[in-house]
Amino acid sequence: LFLGNGPSGICLSYLLSGYIPYFKRESLHPHPILQRKLEEAPGVSILDQDLEYLSEGLEGRSHSPVALLFDTLQRPDTDFGGTAESVLTWWHETDRAIPHLVLGRNAPGGAWHSIEGSMVTLSRGEWMGLPDLPFKDWLKQKRRGLRNNRATAEDIAQYYQHYVMKKGLQKNFRCGTVVTSVRKVSAESISNHAQKDLQENCDSLWSLNEKSMEVFQVDGFFKTVKGDKEPFSIYAENVVLATGTYDSPTWLGVKGENLSYVHHKLSALEEAVKNNSIGIMSDPVLIVGAGLTAADAILFAHHCNIPVIHVFRRRVSDPGLIFNQLPKMMYPEYHKVHQMMKEQSAACAGPYECYISLPEHHVLSFGKDKKCVFQDKNGYQKVYKISMALVLTGSNPNLSFLPNNGVDLAMDGDQPVNPKRNPIDVDPFTYECTQEKGLYALGPLAGDNFVRFVQGGALAVASSLLKKANKNPP
């Protein structure tokens, strides 16, 4: 049972539906050591090989060895600007399929349906693709090209829905579901209960393994077309957490943050412009944060000629700042924001009108009169009158359905789960939670924050579940 139907959940569903990857015999991988390893067992699927052995020595933009492995098998030289074809071939072996359900609030694609459709992705378009259906091939069918090699959120959301249909996975997906609780129960306590389920006659779906004395009980409700809530309980031996992190925007925790003019989503700015409640003559919009969402907000405001005050805690030259990690050629618009941040501080007027940058500042309070108080690193305070505030400092996963909000599963068991600072602690080659057997975590929850790298986690989970189900060939 998977919770979450974004790219991680879709990719895992594909692998568990009996689609098995093999090394294409005539292929040549640019990594000579990996090529030699792949040639050692050409007739054995990647899922049945030793993932730790195959991924040893690989380097790239992810900390996960399996993520790097699956990425380089699908896009062998993409980091060097190459377009070499995947060295994988896919076989549909229906006898190796594992029955599963994928639960999600929205249509397949997860949070991609909640992002403003015209937003351009950070990643190159081809990196957003899922196995055995290249994203650029799908775009070509729509007679469209990639803008600067990148895609819009709307394209990606549509592609993920198309992928589920094209690969025949829709029977495994249940959309409009909200999970309220996941807990371990003893197998005996449930075997006598009628299993109210999302699927009729679903009992056959989970043939309870007599040896496993505990199973997961997953409770929640299904939203019907009429808007009613139908409760359900499902029992599963294995549960995969793939719910992403788009749920709860981070709050600063300062006085006045709950006032009506303080927002935590970029969409609030788009709405305000659409309603003409802010415009060229308004007081400045305050944007807090120095990540890509804050940059998107600045670009949007700049495009609409709306004045901006931009506050962030870091130095402009801080190597941890995302702008200092992006190649200029590929991301000209983000490079422009970074330049504005550097050149347009309140201390010295720069060439950009309608924008003031306040590096190494933080918000002390928001007033009812829309006056906002900031403090710099030396303790000096400034007050600005603003029209609205956007606090865009990241988001946290909502794991309220887990005991203790999932804190016990994290790397640091005293802190909430956070995709960048405190992900769920998983085995790097199975993605099973170290603190709870049978529970797996994928994607941002496990620290994999890019679509191209969440797929390796799906490979690891599928490999582990096939071993558990004894569906591995001899």
Protein backbone atom coordinates (compact mmCIF):
# COMPACT_ATOMS: atom_id res chain seq x y z
CA LEU A 1 0.00 0.00 0.00
CA PHE A 2 1.51 3.38 -0.95
CA LEU A 3 0.50 6.70 0.52
CA GLY A 4 1.10 9.40 -2.08
CA ASN A 5 0.64 9.35 -5.86
CA GLY A 6 3.38 11.71 -7.01
CA PRO A 7 6.36 10.64 -9.16
CA SER A 8 7.72 8.29 -6.42
CA GLY A 9 4.42 6.42 -6.08
CA ILE A 10 3.86 6.24 -9.86
CA CYS A 11 7.37 4.88 -10.50
CA LEU A 12 7.03 2.24 -7.77
CA SER A 13 3.61 1.20 -9.11
CA TYR A 14 5.19 0.70 -12.54
CA LEU A 15 7.92 -1.55 -11.10
CA LEU A 16 5.46 -3.57 -8.98
CA SER A 17 3.11 -4.05 -11.95
CA GLY A 18 5.62 -6.51 -13.41
CA TYR A 19 7.68 -4.07 -15.50
CA ILE A 20 11.22 -5.36 -15.02
CA PRO A 21 14.40 -3.53 -16.16
CA TYR A 22 17.27 -5.44 -17.84
CA PHE A 23 20.58 -4.23 -19.22
CA LYS A 24 20.32 -3.82 -23.02
CA ARG A 25 22.96 -6.25 -24.29
CA GLU A 26 24.34 -4.13 -27.12
CA SER A 27 24.49 -0.97 -24.96
CA LEU A 28 27.67 0.76 -23.94
CA HIS A 29 27.61 2.78 -20.72
CA PRO A 30 30.12 5.66 -20.52
CA HIS A 31 31.12 4.57 -16.99
CA PRO A 32 33.57 1.68 -17.73
CA ILE A 33 33.43 0.03 -14.27
CA LEU A 34 29.62 0.05 -14.26
CA GLN A 35 29.63 -1.31 -17.83
CA ARG A 36 31.83 -4.22 -16.72
CA LYS A 37 29.53 -4.98 -13.76
CA LEU A 38 26.44 -4.88 -16.01
CA GLU A 39 28.07 -7.32 -18.44
CA GLU A 40 28.69 -9.84 -15.64
CA ALA A 41 25.01 -10.82 -15.43
CA PRO A 42 23.24 -9.55 -18.57
CA GLY A 43 20.34 -12.01 -18.24
CA VAL A 44 19.55 -11.02 -14.64
CA SER A 45 17.21 -8.07 -14.12
CA ILE A 46 18.54 -4.98 -12.33
CA LEU A 47 15.92 -5.58 -9.59
CA ASP A 48 17.47 -8.99 -8.84
CA GLN A 49 21.08 -7.85 -8.76
CA ASP A 50 23.03 -6.53 -5.78
CA LEU A 51 22.20 -2.81 -5.86
CA GLU A 52 24.99 -1.99 -3.41
CA TYR A 53 27.57 -3.67 -5.68
CA LEU A 54 26.27 -1.99 -8.84
CA SER A 55 26.14 1.49 -7.30
CA GLU A 56 29.51 1.37 -5.58
CA GLY A 57 31.81 4.17 -6.78
CA LEU A 58 29.14 6.22 -8.56
CA GLU A 59 29.25 9.98 -8.00
CA GLY A 60 26.73 12.70 -8.79
CA ARG A 61 24.25 15.21 -7.43
CA SER A 62 22.56 12.89 -4.92
CA HIS A 63 23.69 11.31 -1.66
CA SER A 64 21.78 8.12 -2.42
CA PRO A 65 23.84 5.43 -4.21
CA VAL A 66 20.71 3.72 -5.63
CA ALA A 67 19.35 7.06 -6.88
CA LEU A 68 22.62 7.66 -8.75
CA LEU A 69 22.55 4.11 -10.16
CA PHE A 70 19.01 4.22 -11.58
CA ASP A 71 19.55 7.77 -12.87
CA THR A 72 22.75 6.88 -14.74
CA LEU A 73 21.15 3.73 -16.22
CA GLN A 74 18.31 5.84 -17.63
CA ARG A 75 20.30 8.99 -18.55
CA PRO A 76 23.93 7.85 -18.86
CA ASP A 77 25.71 11.15 -19.54
CA THR A 78 23.06 13.77 -18.82
CA ASP A 79 25.18 15.72 -16.32
CA PHE A 80 27.71 16.39 -19.07
CA GLY A 81 25.03 17.67 -21.44
CA GLY A 82 24.93 14.38 -23.34
CA THR A 83 21.83 12.71 -24.75
CA ALA A 84 22.92 9.05 -24.68
CA GLU A 85 19.99 6.65 -24.66
CA SER A 86 19.02 4.60 -21.64
CA VAL A 87 20.94 1.31 -21.31
CA LEU A 88 17.79 -0.36 -19.92
CA THR A 89 15.21 -2.42 -21.72
CA TRP A 90 11.88 -3.15 -20.01
CA TRP A 91 10.07 -6.51 -20.00
CA HIS A 92 6.52 -6.99 -18.78
CA GLU A 93 6.59 -10.10 -16.59
CA THR A 94 3.06 -10.31 -15.22
CA ASP A 95 3.85 -13.27 -12.95
CA ARG A 96 6.18 -11.00 -10.98
CA ALA A 97 3.61 -8.28 -10.33
CA ILE A 98 2.81 -7.56 -6.68
CA PRO A 99 -0.77 -6.44 -5.86
CA HIS A 100 -0.77 -2.91 -4.47
CA LEU A 101 -2.85 0.23 -4.05
CA VAL A 102 -1.70 3.83 -4.43
CA LEU A 103 -3.69 6.33 -2.36
CA GLY A 104 -3.61 10.05 -3.15
CA ARG A 105 -5.61 13.21 -2.51
CA ASN A 106 -5.43 14.47 -6.11
CA ALA A 107 -5.05 12.99 -9.57
CA PRO A 108 -1.81 11.03 -10.21
CA GLY A 109 1.08 13.49 -10.09
CA GLY A 110 0.69 14.57 -6.46
CA ALA A 111 1.73 18.15 -5.62
CA TRP A 112 2.44 18.94 -9.28
CA HIS A 113 -1.31 19.60 -9.58
CA SER A 114 -1.11 22.27 -6.83
CA ILE A 115 1.71 24.30 -8.39
CA GLU A 116 0.90 27.30 -10.58
CA GLY A 117 0.70 25.75 -14.07
CA SER A 118 2.90 28.25 -15.87
CA MET A 119 5.81 27.91 -13.41
CA VAL A 120 8.95 26.60 -15.11
CA THR A 121 10.73 23.72 -13.38
CA LEU A 122 14.17 24.02 -11.85
CA SER A 123 15.21 20.70 -13.39
CA ARG A 124 15.69 20.16 -17.09
CA GLY A 125 12.57 18.74 -18.70
CA GLU A 126 14.08 15.35 -19.53
CA TRP A 127 14.92 14.87 -15.85
CA MET A 128 11.22 14.97 -14.96
CA GLY A 129 10.50 11.81 -16.98
CA LEU A 130 9.59 8.38 -15.61
CA PRO A 131 10.92 4.99 -16.82
CA ASP A 132 10.37 3.90 -20.43
CA LEU A 133 8.43 6.98 -21.59
CA PRO A 134 10.79 9.92 -22.16
CA PHE A 135 9.24 13.28 -21.28
CA LYS A 136 10.52 14.95 -24.44
CA ASP A 137 8.90 12.26 -26.63
CA TRP A 138 5.58 12.95 -24.93
CA LEU A 139 6.02 16.71 -25.46
CA LYS A 140 6.77 16.11 -29.16
CA GLN A 141 3.40 14.35 -29.49
CA LYS A 142 1.86 17.57 -28.21
CA ARG A 143 3.92 19.42 -30.87
CA ARG A 144 5.69 21.37 -28.20
CA GLY A 145 9.34 21.94 -27.39
CA LEU A 146 11.12 22.59 -24.12
CA ARG A 147 11.76 26.22 -23.23
CA ASN A 148 15.45 26.52 -22.40
CA ASN A 149 15.38 22.73 -21.81
CA ARG A 150 12.84 23.20 -19.01
CA ALA A 151 9.15 22.38 -18.65
CA THR A 152 6.09 23.97 -17.05
CA ALA A 153 4.37 22.48 -13.99
CA GLU A 154 1.19 22.03 -16.04
CA ASP A 155 3.06 19.92 -18.62
CA ILE A 156 4.52 17.73 -15.90
CA ALA A 157 1.19 17.21 -14.12
CA GLN A 158 -0.39 16.16 -17.44
CA TYR A 159 2.55 13.89 -18.31
CA TYR A 160 2.24 12.01 -14.98
CA GLN A 161 -1.48 11.45 -15.55
CA HIS A 162 -0.78 10.31 -19.13
CA TYR A 163 1.95 7.95 -17.87
CA VAL A 164 -0.44 6.17 -15.48
CA MET A 165 -2.98 5.64 -18.29
CA LYS A 166 -0.44 4.68 -20.96
CA LYS A 167 1.23 2.07 -18.72
CA GLY A 168 -2.12 0.66 -17.57
CA LEU A 169 -1.54 1.47 -13.89
CA GLN A 170 -4.85 3.24 -13.20
CA LYS A 171 -6.43 0.14 -11.60
CA ASN A 172 -3.93 0.51 -8.73
CA PHE A 173 -4.70 4.19 -8.07
CA ARG A 174 -7.36 5.55 -5.72
CA CYS A 175 -7.62 9.33 -5.90
CA GLY A 176 -9.61 11.54 -3.52
CA THR A 177 -8.42 9.61 -0.47
CA VAL A 178 -7.25 11.08 2.82
CA VAL A 179 -5.34 8.84 5.23
CA THR A 180 -5.92 9.67 8.90
CA SER A 181 -4.03 6.89 10.69
CA VAL A 182 -1.37 4.23 10.07
CA ARG A 183 -0.59 1.85 12.95
CA LYS A 184 0.64 -1.67 13.59
CA VAL A 185 -1.92 -4.22 14.81
CA SER A 186 -1.68 -7.96 15.43
CA ALA A 187 -2.80 -10.13 12.53
CA GLU A 188 -5.12 -12.19 14.76
CA SER A 189 -7.07 -9.16 15.91
CA ILE A 190 -8.17 -8.32 12.38
CA SER A 191 -8.58 -11.66 10.65
CA ASN A 192 -12.14 -12.00 11.94
CA HIS A 193 -13.20 -8.48 10.99
CA ALA A 194 -14.84 -7.78 7.67
CA GLN A 195 -12.37 -5.62 5.78
CA LYS A 196 -14.19 -2.54 4.58
CA ASP A 197 -12.07 -1.46 1.67
CA LEU A 198 -11.72 0.85 -1.26
CA GLN A 199 -12.06 -2.10 -3.59
CA GLU A 200 -14.82 -4.65 -3.33
CA ASN A 201 -13.57 -8.17 -2.61
CA CYS A 202 -10.18 -6.74 -1.81
CA ASP A 203 -9.45 -9.49 0.78
CA SER A 204 -7.57 -11.42 -1.88
CA LEU A 205 -5.30 -8.44 -2.39
CA TRP A 206 -3.49 -8.98 0.89
CA SER A 207 -2.86 -12.67 1.43
CA LEU A 208 -1.72 -12.37 5.02
CA ASN A 209 1.56 -14.11 5.54
CA GLU A 210 1.08 -16.43 8.50
CA LYS A 211 4.61 -15.76 9.68
CA SER A 212 4.13 -12.01 9.98
CA MET A 213 2.25 -11.58 13.20
CA GLU A 214 1.77 -7.85 12.79
CA VAL A 215 0.27 -5.86 9.93
CA PHE A 216 -0.45 -2.19 9.32
CA GLN A 217 -3.97 -0.89 9.68
CA VAL A 218 -4.49 2.16 7.45
CA ASP A 219 -7.62 4.22 8.18
CA GLY A 220 -8.97 7.19 6.26
CA PHE A 221 -11.82 8.38 4.10
CA PHE A 222 -12.67 8.53 0.45
CA LYS A 223 -14.23 11.73 -0.93
CA THR A 224 -17.16 10.86 -3.19
CA VAL A 225 -18.32 12.89 -6.19
CA LYS A 226 -21.16 14.28 -4.06
CA GLY A 227 -18.67 15.50 -1.47
CA ASP A 228 -19.47 12.84 1.15
CA LYS A 229 -16.74 11.12 3.15
CA GLU A 230 -16.74 7.33 3.06
CA PRO A 231 -14.48 5.80 5.71
CA PHE A 232 -12.18 2.87 4.93
CA SER A 233 -9.74 0.56 6.70
CA ILE A 234 -7.08 -1.36 4.79
CA TYR A 235 -4.68 -3.95 6.17
CA ALA A 236 -1.26 -4.33 4.59
CA GLU A 237 2.00 -6.07 5.41
CA ASN A 238 4.02 -3.27 3.85
CA VAL A 239 3.28 0.45 3.66
CA VAL A 240 5.25 2.95 1.57
CA LEU A 241 5.27 6.61 2.64
CA ALA A 242 5.58 8.80 -0.46
CA THR A 243 3.58 11.86 0.60
CA GLY A 244 6.21 14.50 -0.25
CA THR A 245 6.59 17.75 1.65
CA TYR A 246 4.26 20.21 -0.01
CA ASP A 247 1.69 20.07 2.81
CA SER A 248 2.60 22.60 5.49
CA PRO A 249 4.49 25.83 4.73
CA THR A 250 7.04 26.76 7.40
CA TRP A 251 6.09 29.63 9.72
CA LEU A 252 8.60 32.09 11.20
CA GLY A 253 6.88 31.97 14.58
CA VAL A 254 6.84 35.77 15.08
CA LYS A 255 4.20 38.14 16.44
CA GLY A 256 1.45 39.06 13.95
CA GLU A 257 2.22 36.23 11.53
CA ASN A 258 -1.42 35.12 11.65
CA LEU A 259 -2.70 38.54 10.41
CA SER A 260 -4.70 38.43 7.19
CA TYR A 261 -2.07 40.20 5.03
CA VAL A 262 0.65 37.61 5.88
CA HIS A 263 0.65 34.61 3.54
CA HIS A 264 2.72 31.44 3.19
CA LYS A 265 2.02 30.48 -0.41
CA LEU A 266 3.08 32.07 -3.69
CA SER A 267 -0.46 31.68 -5.03
CA ALA A 268 -1.59 34.48 -2.65
CA LEU A 269 0.47 36.99 -4.65
CA GLU A 270 -0.96 35.74 -7.95
CA GLU A 271 -4.50 36.04 -6.53
CA ALA A 272 -3.88 39.59 -5.25
CA VAL A 273 -2.62 40.71 -8.68
CA LYS A 274 -5.56 39.04 -10.41
CA ASN A 275 -8.02 40.82 -8.07
CA ASN A 276 -6.21 44.15 -8.52
CA SER A 277 -5.82 44.38 -4.75
CA ILE A 278 -2.14 45.21 -5.31
CA GLY A 279 -0.46 46.95 -8.22
CA ILE A 280 2.24 49.40 -9.32
CA MET A 281 1.15 52.09 -6.83
CA SER A 282 0.84 49.79 -3.80
CA ASP A 283 3.15 49.73 -0.80
CA PRO A 284 5.87 47.12 -1.32
CA VAL A 285 5.23 43.41 -1.04
CA LEU A 286 7.50 41.78 1.54
CA ILE A 287 9.07 38.50 0.45
CA VAL A 288 10.87 36.47 3.15
CA GLY A 289 13.23 33.67 2.15
CA ALA A 290 16.13 32.95 -0.19
CA GLY A 291 15.05 29.77 -1.95
CA LEU A 292 13.59 29.20 -5.38
CA THR A 293 9.97 29.85 -4.37
CA ALA A 294 10.98 33.26 -3.01
CA ALA A 295 12.84 33.86 -6.31
CA ASP A 296 9.72 32.88 -8.28
CA ALA A 297 7.72 35.41 -6.24
CA ILE A 298 10.30 38.16 -6.94
CA LEU A 299 10.26 37.39 -10.68
CA PHE A 300 6.46 37.45 -10.72
CA ALA A 301 6.30 40.78 -8.83
CA HIS A 302 9.06 42.23 -11.03
CA HIS A 303 7.11 41.21 -14.14
CA CYS A 304 4.03 43.01 -12.79
CA ASN A 305 6.07 46.11 -11.73
CA ILE A 306 5.10 45.59 -8.09
CA PRO A 307 7.61 46.98 -5.55
CA VAL A 308 9.36 44.35 -3.38
CA ILE A 309 11.27 44.30 -0.11
CA HIS A 310 13.24 41.06 0.08
CA VAL A 311 14.43 39.84 3.49
CA PHE A 312 16.64 36.80 4.10
CA ARG A 313 18.96 35.58 6.84
CA ARG A 314 22.00 34.47 4.82
CA ARG A 315 24.83 36.46 3.25
CA VAL A 316 24.47 36.89 -0.51
CA SER A 317 27.78 35.08 -1.01
CA ASP A 318 26.84 32.13 1.27
CA PRO A 319 27.76 28.91 -0.61
CA GLY A 320 24.66 27.26 0.90
CA LEU A 321 22.44 29.69 -1.02
CA ILE A 322 20.82 27.77 -3.89
CA PHE A 323 21.71 30.56 -6.38
CA ASN A 324 25.40 29.93 -5.77
CA GLN A 325 24.92 26.31 -6.86
CA LEU A 326 23.08 26.85 -10.16
CA PRO A 327 24.86 27.18 -13.52
CA LYS A 328 24.23 30.71 -14.88
CA MET A 329 23.68 29.60 -18.47
CA MET A 330 20.87 27.22 -17.62
CA TYR A 331 19.08 29.44 -15.11
CA PRO A 332 19.28 33.02 -16.41
CA GLU A 333 16.19 34.19 -14.52
CA TYR A 334 17.43 32.94 -11.13
CA HIS A 335 20.84 34.43 -11.86
CA LYS A 336 19.06 37.76 -12.38
CA VAL A 337 17.39 37.50 -8.95
CA HIS A 338 20.74 36.70 -7.36
CA GLN A 339 22.24 39.77 -9.05
CA MET A 340 19.40 41.93 -7.71
CA MET A 341 20.00 40.53 -4.22
CA LYS A 342 23.67 41.52 -4.50
CA GLU A 343 23.36 44.92 -6.10
CA GLN A 344 20.21 46.39 -4.63
CA SER A 345 20.62 46.38 -0.86
CA ALA A 346 18.92 49.11 1.17
CA ALA A 347 22.39 50.49 1.97
CA CYS A 348 23.16 51.37 -1.65
CA ALA A 349 20.69 51.98 -4.44
CA GLY A 350 21.34 49.80 -7.47
CA PRO A 351 20.06 49.68 -11.03
CA TYR A 352 16.82 47.81 -10.28
CA GLU A 353 13.82 49.93 -9.46
CA CYS A 354 11.05 48.64 -7.20
CA TYR A 355 13.31 46.17 -5.37
CA ILE A 356 15.22 46.40 -2.07
CA SER A 357 17.31 43.54 -0.71
CA LEU A 358 17.92 43.13 3.05
CA PRO A 359 20.49 40.33 3.46
CA GLU A 360 21.28 39.02 6.96
CA HIS A 361 18.01 40.42 8.31
CA HIS A 362 15.09 38.71 10.00
CA VAL A 363 11.49 39.67 10.74
CA LEU A 364 10.76 40.60 14.37
CA SER A 365 7.02 41.29 14.03
CA PHE A 366 4.10 42.12 11.77
CA GLY A 367 1.85 44.98 12.96
CA LYS A 368 -1.89 45.39 12.47
CA ASP A 369 -1.12 48.66 10.63
CA LYS A 370 0.89 46.63 8.05
CA LYS A 371 4.15 47.96 9.47
CA CYS A 372 6.81 45.29 9.64
CA VAL A 373 9.86 45.38 11.95
CA PHE A 374 13.18 43.83 10.82
CA GLN A 375 16.47 43.38 12.63
CA ASP A 376 19.92 43.11 11.06
CA LYS A 377 22.89 41.04 12.29
CA ASN A 378 24.12 43.92 14.49
CA GLY A 379 20.78 44.26 16.27
CA TYR A 380 19.69 47.45 14.44
CA GLN A 381 15.98 47.61 13.65
CA LYS A 382 14.14 48.99 10.62
CA VAL A 383 10.42 49.50 10.03
CA TYR A 384 8.73 49.31 6.61
CA LYS A 385 5.10 49.76 5.64
CA ILE A 386 4.02 46.96 3.30
CA SER A 387 0.90 45.90 1.40
CA MET A 388 1.25 42.14 1.95
CA ALA A 389 3.85 39.65 3.18
CA LEU A 390 4.85 36.31 1.67
CA VAL A 391 6.80 34.04 3.99
CA LEU A 392 8.40 31.52 1.60
CA THR A 393 10.94 29.67 3.71
CA GLY A 394 10.15 26.07 2.77
CA SER A 395 7.52 23.55 3.77
CA ASN A 396 7.24 20.54 6.02
CA PRO A 397 5.58 17.17 5.45
CA ASN A 398 2.31 16.50 7.20
CA LEU A 399 2.74 13.13 8.93
CA SER A 400 -0.09 13.58 11.43
CA PHE A 401 -1.43 10.13 10.44
CA LEU A 402 1.65 8.45 12.00
CA PRO A 403 2.16 7.90 15.74
CA ASN A 404 3.98 10.95 17.19
CA ASN A 405 3.91 12.63 13.71
CA GLY A 406 6.59 10.23 12.50
CA VAL A 407 9.27 11.88 14.67
CA ASP A 408 10.49 8.47 15.93
CA LEU A 409 11.33 7.46 12.33
CA ALA A 410 13.61 10.46 11.66
CA MET A 411 17.42 10.55 11.71
CA ASP A 412 17.19 12.71 14.83
CA GLY A 413 14.33 11.21 16.83
CA ASP A 414 13.87 14.41 18.86
CA GLN A 415 13.12 16.71 15.90
CA PRO A 416 10.26 16.81 13.35
CA VAL A 417 10.84 15.17 9.96
CA ASN A 418 12.33 17.64 7.48
CA PRO A 419 13.41 16.70 3.94
CA LYS A 420 16.63 18.73 4.03
CA ARG A 421 17.66 18.72 7.69
CA ASN A 422 16.09 15.62 9.22
CA PRO A 423 14.75 13.02 6.77
CA ILE A 424 13.32 9.65 7.74
CA ASP A 425 16.12 7.18 8.54
CA VAL A 426 16.03 4.46 5.85
CA ASP A 427 18.30 1.64 4.72
CA PRO A 428 20.06 3.09 1.63
CA PHE A 429 19.56 -0.09 -0.45
CA THR A 430 15.95 -1.02 0.47
CA TYR A 431 14.53 2.34 1.70
CA GLU A 432 12.90 0.45 4.58
CA CYS A 433 12.64 2.52 7.77
CA THR A 434 15.33 1.45 10.22
CA GLN A 435 12.94 2.01 13.15
CA GLU A 436 9.89 0.19 11.72
CA LYS A 437 10.13 -2.89 9.53
CA GLY A 438 7.55 -3.12 6.75
CA LEU A 439 7.33 0.67 6.54
CA TYR A 440 9.21 2.32 3.66
CA ALA A 441 9.82 6.00 2.83
CA LEU A 442 10.43 7.50 -0.61
CA GLY A 443 11.17 10.86 -2.19
CA PRO A 444 11.64 14.02 -0.07
CA LEU A 445 10.69 12.17 3.13
CA ALA A 446 13.84 10.09 2.65
CA GLY A 447 15.92 13.11 1.58
CA ASP A 448 15.55 12.69 -2.23
CA ASN A 449 14.26 16.06 -3.40
CA PHE A 450 14.46 15.85 -7.20
CA VAL A 451 12.22 13.79 -9.48
CA ARG A 452 15.20 12.31 -11.33
CA PHE A 453 16.52 10.90 -8.01
CA VAL A 454 13.30 9.70 -6.33
CA GLN A 455 13.14 6.85 -8.84
CA GLY A 456 16.17 5.05 -7.39
CA GLY A 457 14.30 4.79 -4.09
CA ALA A 458 11.41 3.15 -5.95
CA LEU A 459 13.89 0.66 -7.47
CA ALA A 460 15.22 -0.15 -3.99
CA VAL A 461 11.73 -0.64 -2.52
CA ALA A 462 10.59 -2.81 -5.46
CA SER A 463 13.72 -4.96 -5.16
CA SER A 464 13.09 -5.41 -1.41
CA LEU A 465 9.36 -6.21 -1.82
CA LEU A 466 10.06 -8.76 -4.60
CA LYS A 467 12.49 -10.55 -2.29
CA LYS A 468 9.92 -10.55 0.54
CA ALA A 469 7.22 -11.89 -1.80
CA ASN A 470 9.58 -14.60 -3.11
CA LYS A 471 8.92 -13.36 -6.62
CA ASN A 472 12.58 -13.40 -7.53
CA PRO A 473 13.64 -15.82 -10.23
CA PRO A 474 16.04 -18.60 -9.11
